Amino acid sequence: MASTYQLKTSAPRAIVRAGLVKAAQLLIIAMLGALILASPTVAQKAVKPEPIPPRLLTDLKSLETEKRRAAADQLGAIRNRDAVPHLIAALTDKEAAVREACAFALGQITDRRAVAPLTKALADKDTEVRAAIAFALGMIGDRKSAQTFSALLEDPAATVRSAAIIGMGLMQDEEGVDELFDMLDDPAFDVRFDAAWALGQFNEADAIDHLREAITNIDRLPIDNALREEFRLQAQTSIERIQAQDAGYTPTRPRKTTEGVIANNRYNNESNPAGIRQMVHALPTEKARTAHLHGTVKIKLLVAADGRPARAYVVRRLGYGLDQRAVQAVLQYKFEPAMLSGLPQTGWIFIDVKF
């Protein structure tokens, strides 16, 4: 009888034992996953800024205009906050090209100490300087700049209005959405195009009807058909992004979890850097098209663990508004996130945007 009882109970015990082993394995995997996600290798690493070469601070005070301008560009690419006071001081340089480069560099460093000096420098008579300041304020993202952007939208120069619109899109300040609606009817094509892009950065369902109307109204603007098609494509892209946000996915803001990505790779030990899944054409500005300017803007982009583009910085410039257009484009790219032992992680990627 004992042997019979053992035969009857051995199978259930084996099943229970196998279930416990499986549960233990899953618990270990979950604990390891939590440890990896909490570690700095998967979370964003604290990257120590590159030291400032002393020659750059010397060149920033050089008698040669080109040396001062180039030094400002390089300081912006390095993004060391110790350069901020030096760049602020150079906002009063006698040459507009240097002032423009310093303003742009301060936007790349994104230090709030620069907001007040930049705002004061908007009295500059040079169009390119004011445009660089507008973009810089958007990169810094201080909400106190909202009223400043409203004033910039009335600037007589289309270049400045465009830069202000891009800055508003980067800040995602929803208080400015109604003003962006109005900019869809601006007499300048570049301003309309940038407004269509900026509205795609907001989760504002009302923007869809305005964008659809703008797609129709673009036919009234005396421009080439190729540009009309570019506008329609950008407006439609923004409409789809807004619709995706309404459906529960927010491309331009972080998700709270990455459960779907982790689940699909739970037993995969693959480790890869972030990769581009889908690119977006970067449209040259009118000024660049007129000058027949061609070249490459190098962007340093932060790709979040869910594959969204989170933040973009300009490492190598072209000017003529192309740096801003490059940032616009890469923020609409789609990515595969970097993977470490089968788990997604936030990481940097360098992208060359060609014009």
Protein backbone atom coordinates (compact mmCIF):
# COMPACT_ATOMS: atom_id res chain seq x y z
CA MET A 1 0.00 0.00 0.00
CA ALA A 2 2.88 2.34 0.79
CA SER A 3 4.37 1.87 -2.65
CA THR A 4 0.99 2.54 -4.23
CA TYR A 5 0.61 5.76 -2.25
CA GLN A 6 4.08 6.90 -3.30
CA LEU A 7 3.24 6.30 -6.93
CA LYS A 8 0.09 8.36 -6.63
CA THR A 9 1.75 11.30 -4.89
CA SER A 10 5.14 11.43 -6.64
CA ALA A 11 3.77 13.11 -9.78
CA PRO A 12 2.02 15.98 -7.94
CA ARG A 13 5.12 16.51 -5.82
CA ALA A 14 7.27 16.64 -8.95
CA ILE A 15 4.94 19.21 -10.46
CA VAL A 16 5.03 21.33 -7.30
CA ARG A 17 8.82 21.01 -7.13
CA ALA A 18 9.15 22.07 -10.81
CA GLY A 19 6.80 25.00 -10.20
CA LEU A 20 8.89 26.17 -7.24
CA VAL A 21 12.08 25.92 -9.27
CA LYS A 22 10.49 27.89 -12.12
CA ALA A 23 9.21 30.54 -9.69
CA ALA A 24 12.65 30.83 -8.14
CA GLN A 25 14.22 31.26 -11.58
CA LEU A 26 11.76 33.99 -12.49
CA LEU A 27 12.38 35.72 -9.15
CA ILE A 28 16.14 35.69 -9.74
CA ILE A 29 15.67 37.08 -13.26
CA ALA A 30 13.41 39.83 -11.94
CA MET A 31 15.88 40.74 -9.17
CA LEU A 32 18.78 40.83 -11.62
CA GLY A 33 16.73 42.97 -14.00
CA ALA A 34 15.91 45.42 -11.22
CA LEU A 35 19.57 45.63 -10.23
CA ILE A 36 20.64 46.25 -13.81
CA LEU A 37 17.97 48.91 -14.34
CA ALA A 38 19.01 50.65 -11.13
CA SER A 39 22.68 50.59 -12.04
CA PRO A 40 24.29 53.55 -13.76
CA THR A 41 25.10 51.41 -16.80
CA VAL A 42 21.41 51.25 -17.75
CA ALA A 43 20.18 54.45 -16.21
CA GLN A 44 21.74 57.56 -17.69
CA LYS A 45 25.39 57.68 -16.76
CA ALA A 46 26.62 60.85 -15.12
CA VAL A 47 29.07 62.01 -17.74
CA LYS A 48 31.74 64.36 -16.48
CA PRO A 49 32.05 67.33 -18.85
CA GLU A 50 35.16 67.59 -20.96
CA PRO A 51 37.68 70.03 -19.47
CA ILE A 52 37.94 73.38 -21.21
CA PRO A 53 41.22 73.69 -23.12
CA PRO A 54 42.84 76.94 -21.89
CA ARG A 55 43.50 77.99 -25.49
CA LEU A 56 39.75 78.32 -26.14
CA LEU A 57 39.36 80.93 -23.40
CA THR A 58 42.39 82.70 -24.81
CA ASP A 59 41.00 82.54 -28.35
CA LEU A 60 37.68 83.93 -27.12
CA LYS A 61 39.56 87.18 -26.45
CA SER A 62 41.69 87.05 -29.60
CA LEU A 63 42.01 90.04 -31.90
CA GLU A 64 40.94 87.77 -34.77
CA THR A 65 37.19 87.55 -35.27
CA GLU A 66 37.29 84.03 -36.68
CA LYS A 67 39.26 82.74 -33.70
CA ARG A 68 36.74 84.21 -31.28
CA ARG A 69 33.82 82.77 -33.21
CA ALA A 70 35.40 79.31 -33.53
CA ALA A 71 36.25 79.28 -29.82
CA ALA A 72 32.62 80.01 -28.94
CA ASP A 73 31.43 77.17 -31.18
CA GLN A 74 33.85 74.72 -29.58
CA LEU A 75 32.89 75.78 -26.07
CA GLY A 76 29.28 75.11 -26.95
CA ALA A 77 30.15 71.65 -28.24
CA ILE A 78 32.10 70.81 -25.08
CA ARG A 79 29.16 71.94 -22.89
CA ASN A 80 31.23 72.65 -19.80
CA ARG A 81 29.34 75.02 -17.49
CA ASP A 82 32.57 76.74 -16.48
CA ALA A 83 32.48 78.43 -19.89
CA VAL A 84 29.17 80.20 -19.18
CA PRO A 85 30.59 83.41 -17.59
CA HIS A 86 33.10 83.78 -20.44
CA LEU A 87 30.42 83.34 -23.11
CA ILE A 88 28.08 85.76 -21.36
CA ALA A 89 30.82 88.38 -21.30
CA ALA A 90 31.38 87.85 -25.04
CA LEU A 91 27.71 88.59 -25.84
CA THR A 92 28.82 92.22 -26.16
CA ASP A 93 31.57 91.44 -28.68
CA LYS A 94 31.86 94.07 -31.42
CA GLU A 95 31.37 91.45 -34.15
CA ALA A 96 27.89 90.02 -34.73
CA ALA A 97 29.27 86.64 -35.82
CA VAL A 98 30.95 86.23 -32.43
CA ARG A 99 27.85 87.33 -30.51
CA GLU A 100 25.77 84.85 -32.49
CA ALA A 101 28.18 81.99 -31.77
CA CYS A 102 28.24 82.83 -28.05
CA ALA A 103 24.45 82.92 -27.83
CA PHE A 104 24.18 79.59 -29.64
CA ALA A 105 26.84 78.05 -27.37
CA LEU A 106 24.99 79.14 -24.24
CA GLY A 107 21.93 77.34 -25.55
CA GLN A 108 23.92 74.13 -25.92
CA ILE A 109 25.23 74.33 -22.36
CA THR A 110 21.66 74.88 -21.08
CA ASP A 111 22.66 76.75 -17.92
CA ARG A 112 19.90 78.97 -16.50
CA ARG A 113 22.44 81.61 -15.52
CA ALA A 114 22.43 82.60 -19.17
CA VAL A 115 18.68 83.36 -19.39
CA ALA A 116 18.79 86.95 -18.12
CA PRO A 117 21.88 87.99 -20.15
CA LEU A 118 20.44 86.38 -23.28
CA THR A 119 17.09 88.10 -22.82
CA LYS A 120 18.85 91.44 -22.40
CA ALA A 121 20.89 90.77 -25.54
CA LEU A 122 17.68 90.51 -27.61
CA ALA A 123 18.05 94.24 -28.13
CA ASP A 124 20.80 93.36 -30.62
CA LYS A 125 20.19 94.86 -34.06
CA ASP A 126 21.59 91.81 -35.87
CA THR A 127 18.95 89.33 -37.05
CA GLU A 128 21.17 86.25 -36.73
CA VAL A 129 22.10 87.15 -33.16
CA ARG A 130 18.46 87.49 -32.13
CA ALA A 131 17.65 84.17 -33.84
CA ALA A 132 20.47 82.41 -32.01
CA ILE A 133 19.23 83.83 -28.72
CA ALA A 134 15.68 82.66 -29.39
CA PHE A 135 16.88 79.12 -30.10
CA ALA A 136 19.17 79.20 -27.06
CA LEU A 137 16.32 80.18 -24.76
CA GLY A 138 14.30 77.26 -26.11
CA MET A 139 17.19 74.86 -25.48
CA ILE A 140 17.54 76.10 -21.90
CA GLY A 141 13.81 75.71 -21.37
CA ASP A 142 13.18 78.24 -18.61
CA ARG A 143 9.41 78.78 -18.34
CA LYS A 144 10.03 82.44 -17.50
CA SER A 145 10.93 82.92 -21.17
CA ALA A 146 7.32 82.41 -22.31
CA GLN A 147 6.57 86.13 -22.56
CA THR A 148 9.86 86.67 -24.35
CA PHE A 149 8.83 84.19 -27.04
CA SER A 150 5.50 85.95 -27.50
CA ALA A 151 7.38 89.16 -28.30
CA LEU A 152 9.78 87.36 -30.63
CA LEU A 153 6.89 86.03 -32.71
CA GLU A 154 6.28 89.65 -33.74
CA ASP A 155 9.89 90.24 -34.81
CA PRO A 156 10.07 91.72 -38.34
CA ALA A 157 12.66 89.09 -39.36
CA ALA A 158 11.27 85.70 -40.40
CA THR A 159 14.51 84.07 -39.23
CA VAL A 160 13.87 85.27 -35.67
CA ARG A 161 10.22 84.23 -35.73
CA SER A 162 11.23 80.75 -36.92
CA ALA A 163 13.86 80.39 -34.20
CA ALA A 164 11.35 81.49 -31.56
CA ILE A 165 8.83 78.91 -32.81
CA ILE A 166 11.42 76.14 -32.64
CA GLY A 167 12.31 77.26 -29.13
CA MET A 168 8.68 77.05 -28.10
CA GLY A 169 8.47 73.55 -29.55
CA LEU A 170 11.52 72.48 -27.58
CA MET A 171 10.08 73.93 -24.36
CA GLN A 172 6.64 72.40 -24.99
CA ASP A 173 5.01 75.31 -23.20
CA GLU A 174 1.31 74.71 -23.87
CA GLU A 175 0.43 78.33 -23.09
CA GLY A 176 1.91 79.27 -26.46
CA VAL A 177 -0.14 76.85 -28.58
CA ASP A 178 -2.70 79.46 -29.68
CA GLU A 179 0.11 81.72 -30.88
CA LEU A 180 1.54 78.85 -32.89
CA PHE A 181 -1.84 78.39 -34.57
CA ASP A 182 -1.57 81.98 -35.82
CA MET A 183 1.94 81.37 -37.15
CA LEU A 184 0.58 78.75 -39.56
CA ASP A 185 -0.66 81.72 -41.62
CA ASP A 186 2.63 83.65 -41.53
CA PRO A 187 3.69 85.15 -44.89
CA ALA A 188 7.06 83.33 -44.66
CA PHE A 189 7.19 79.66 -45.64
CA ASP A 190 9.92 78.80 -43.11
CA VAL A 191 7.82 80.20 -40.28
CA ARG A 192 4.81 78.12 -41.32
CA PHE A 193 6.95 75.00 -41.64
CA ASP A 194 8.50 75.46 -38.20
CA ALA A 195 5.08 76.12 -36.66
CA ALA A 196 3.81 72.85 -38.14
CA TRP A 197 6.79 71.05 -36.58
CA ALA A 198 6.40 72.76 -33.19
CA LEU A 199 2.72 71.86 -32.88
CA GLY A 200 3.68 68.21 -33.22
CA GLN A 201 5.65 68.49 -29.98
CA PHE A 202 2.47 69.19 -27.99
CA ASN A 203 -0.28 66.85 -26.89
CA GLU A 204 -2.93 69.29 -28.12
CA ALA A 205 -5.78 67.67 -30.06
CA ASP A 206 -7.10 71.07 -31.19
CA ALA A 207 -3.97 71.48 -33.28
CA ILE A 208 -5.08 68.77 -35.70
CA ASP A 209 -7.83 70.87 -37.28
CA HIS A 210 -5.48 73.86 -37.57
CA LEU A 211 -2.81 71.72 -39.22
CA ARG A 212 -5.31 70.26 -41.68
CA GLU A 213 -6.47 73.75 -42.56
CA ALA A 214 -2.85 74.83 -43.00
CA ILE A 215 -2.29 71.95 -45.44
CA THR A 216 -5.05 73.43 -47.60
CA ASN A 217 -3.94 77.04 -47.18
CA ILE A 218 -0.34 76.34 -48.21
CA ASP A 219 -1.53 76.31 -51.84
CA ARG A 220 -2.11 80.06 -51.61
CA LEU A 221 1.52 80.78 -50.78
CA PRO A 222 3.61 81.60 -53.89
CA ILE A 223 6.24 78.87 -53.49
CA ASP A 224 7.50 75.87 -55.43
CA ASN A 225 5.37 72.75 -55.42
CA ALA A 226 8.25 70.83 -53.84
CA LEU A 227 8.11 73.12 -50.80
CA ARG A 228 4.34 72.75 -50.58
CA GLU A 229 4.80 69.00 -50.47
CA GLU A 230 7.44 69.32 -47.74
CA PHE A 231 5.00 71.38 -45.69
CA ARG A 232 2.19 68.88 -46.16
CA LEU A 233 4.50 66.06 -45.10
CA GLN A 234 5.59 67.90 -41.95
CA ALA A 235 2.03 68.89 -41.04
CA GLN A 236 0.83 65.32 -41.53
CA THR A 237 3.71 63.99 -39.43
CA SER A 238 2.71 66.34 -36.62
CA ILE A 239 -0.92 65.26 -36.90
CA GLU A 240 0.10 61.61 -36.57
CA ARG A 241 2.29 62.37 -33.55
CA ILE A 242 -0.59 64.15 -31.80
CA GLN A 243 -2.93 61.27 -32.59
CA ALA A 244 -0.36 58.83 -31.20
CA GLN A 245 -0.16 60.87 -28.00
CA ASP A 246 -3.95 60.77 -27.66
CA ALA A 247 -3.77 57.00 -28.07
CA GLY A 248 -1.50 56.78 -25.05
CA TYR A 249 1.99 57.00 -26.51
CA THR A 250 3.93 60.23 -26.03
CA PRO A 251 6.92 60.30 -28.41
CA THR A 252 8.52 63.49 -27.03
CA ARG A 253 8.13 62.86 -23.30
CA PRO A 254 9.45 59.97 -21.15
CA ARG A 255 7.25 57.01 -20.41
CA LYS A 256 7.04 55.95 -16.77
CA THR A 257 7.78 52.32 -17.64
CA THR A 258 9.38 50.28 -20.38
CA GLU A 259 7.51 47.07 -19.60
CA GLY A 260 6.72 46.21 -23.20
CA VAL A 261 10.36 46.43 -24.25
CA ILE A 262 11.59 44.43 -21.29
CA ALA A 263 8.99 41.72 -21.73
CA ASN A 264 9.97 41.11 -25.33
CA ASN A 265 13.62 40.68 -24.40
CA ARG A 266 13.34 39.01 -20.98
CA TYR A 267 15.44 35.99 -21.92
CA ASN A 268 17.63 37.74 -24.46
CA ASN A 269 21.20 38.58 -23.39
CA GLU A 270 21.82 40.81 -26.41
CA SER A 271 23.77 44.04 -25.92
CA ASN A 272 23.74 46.68 -28.65
CA PRO A 273 24.06 50.45 -28.97
CA ALA A 274 21.04 52.50 -29.98
CA GLY A 275 20.21 52.38 -33.68
CA ILE A 276 18.14 54.41 -36.11
CA ARG A 277 14.93 52.70 -37.20
CA GLN A 278 13.43 55.48 -39.30
CA MET A 279 14.89 58.79 -40.49
CA VAL A 280 13.18 62.08 -41.37
CA HIS A 281 14.29 64.40 -44.15
CA ALA A 282 15.82 67.66 -42.87
CA LEU A 283 14.57 70.61 -44.93
CA PRO A 284 17.09 73.43 -45.59
CA THR A 285 16.05 76.97 -44.69
CA GLU A 286 15.34 79.57 -47.35
CA LYS A 287 18.58 81.33 -46.51
CA ALA A 288 20.59 78.13 -46.99
CA ARG A 289 18.79 77.30 -50.23
CA THR A 290 19.51 80.77 -51.60
CA ALA A 291 23.18 80.46 -50.67
CA HIS A 292 23.34 76.92 -52.16
CA LEU A 293 24.88 75.79 -48.86
CA HIS A 294 25.62 72.11 -48.42
CA GLY A 295 27.26 70.26 -45.58
CA THR A 296 26.70 68.22 -42.44
CA VAL A 297 25.47 69.09 -38.96
CA LYS A 298 26.64 66.65 -36.28
CA ILE A 299 24.11 66.00 -33.52
CA LYS A 300 24.56 64.32 -30.15
CA LEU A 301 21.23 62.75 -29.28
CA LEU A 302 19.96 61.14 -26.11
CA VAL A 303 17.81 58.09 -26.89
CA ALA A 304 15.56 57.00 -24.03
CA ALA A 305 15.03 53.38 -23.00
CA ASP A 306 11.73 53.27 -24.91
CA GLY A 307 13.45 54.38 -28.13
CA ARG A 308 12.20 57.95 -28.12
CA PRO A 309 14.58 60.84 -28.91
CA ALA A 310 14.80 62.78 -25.66
CA ARG A 311 17.35 65.57 -26.14
CA ALA A 312 19.54 66.83 -28.98
CA TYR A 313 22.69 68.96 -28.97
CA VAL A 314 24.68 70.38 -31.86
CA VAL A 315 28.29 69.21 -31.92
CA ARG A 316 29.29 70.63 -35.30
CA ARG A 317 27.49 73.60 -36.87
CA LEU A 318 26.68 74.81 -40.36
CA GLY A 319 24.77 77.99 -39.57
CA TYR A 320 22.10 79.54 -41.84
CA GLY A 321 19.41 78.00 -39.62
CA LEU A 322 20.47 74.47 -40.58
CA ASP A 323 21.56 73.61 -37.03
CA GLN A 324 18.00 74.18 -35.81
CA ARG A 325 16.57 72.21 -38.72
CA ALA A 326 18.89 69.31 -37.89
CA VAL A 327 17.62 69.28 -34.31
CA GLN A 328 14.05 69.33 -35.62
CA ALA A 329 14.70 66.34 -37.84
CA VAL A 330 16.44 64.04 -35.35
CA LEU A 331 13.75 64.66 -32.73
CA GLN A 332 11.35 63.02 -35.21
CA TYR A 333 13.57 60.00 -35.88
CA LYS A 334 12.53 56.58 -34.60
CA PHE A 335 15.09 54.46 -32.77
CA GLU A 336 15.80 51.04 -31.37
CA PRO A 337 17.05 51.67 -27.82
CA ALA A 338 20.46 50.57 -26.64
CA MET A 339 20.35 47.11 -25.04
CA LEU A 340 22.41 45.71 -22.18
CA SER A 341 21.97 42.02 -21.38
CA GLY A 342 18.60 42.07 -23.08
CA LEU A 343 17.33 45.13 -21.22
CA PRO A 344 16.79 48.61 -22.73
CA GLN A 345 18.89 51.49 -21.54
CA THR A 346 19.18 55.21 -22.12
CA GLY A 347 22.20 56.17 -24.19
CA TRP A 348 23.80 58.74 -26.46
CA ILE A 349 24.15 58.46 -30.22
CA PHE A 350 25.92 60.71 -32.74
CA ILE A 351 24.09 61.50 -35.96
CA ASP A 352 25.28 63.31 -39.10
CA VAL A 353 22.45 65.28 -40.67
CA LYS A 354 23.30 66.12 -44.29
CA PHE A 355 22.03 69.10 -46.26
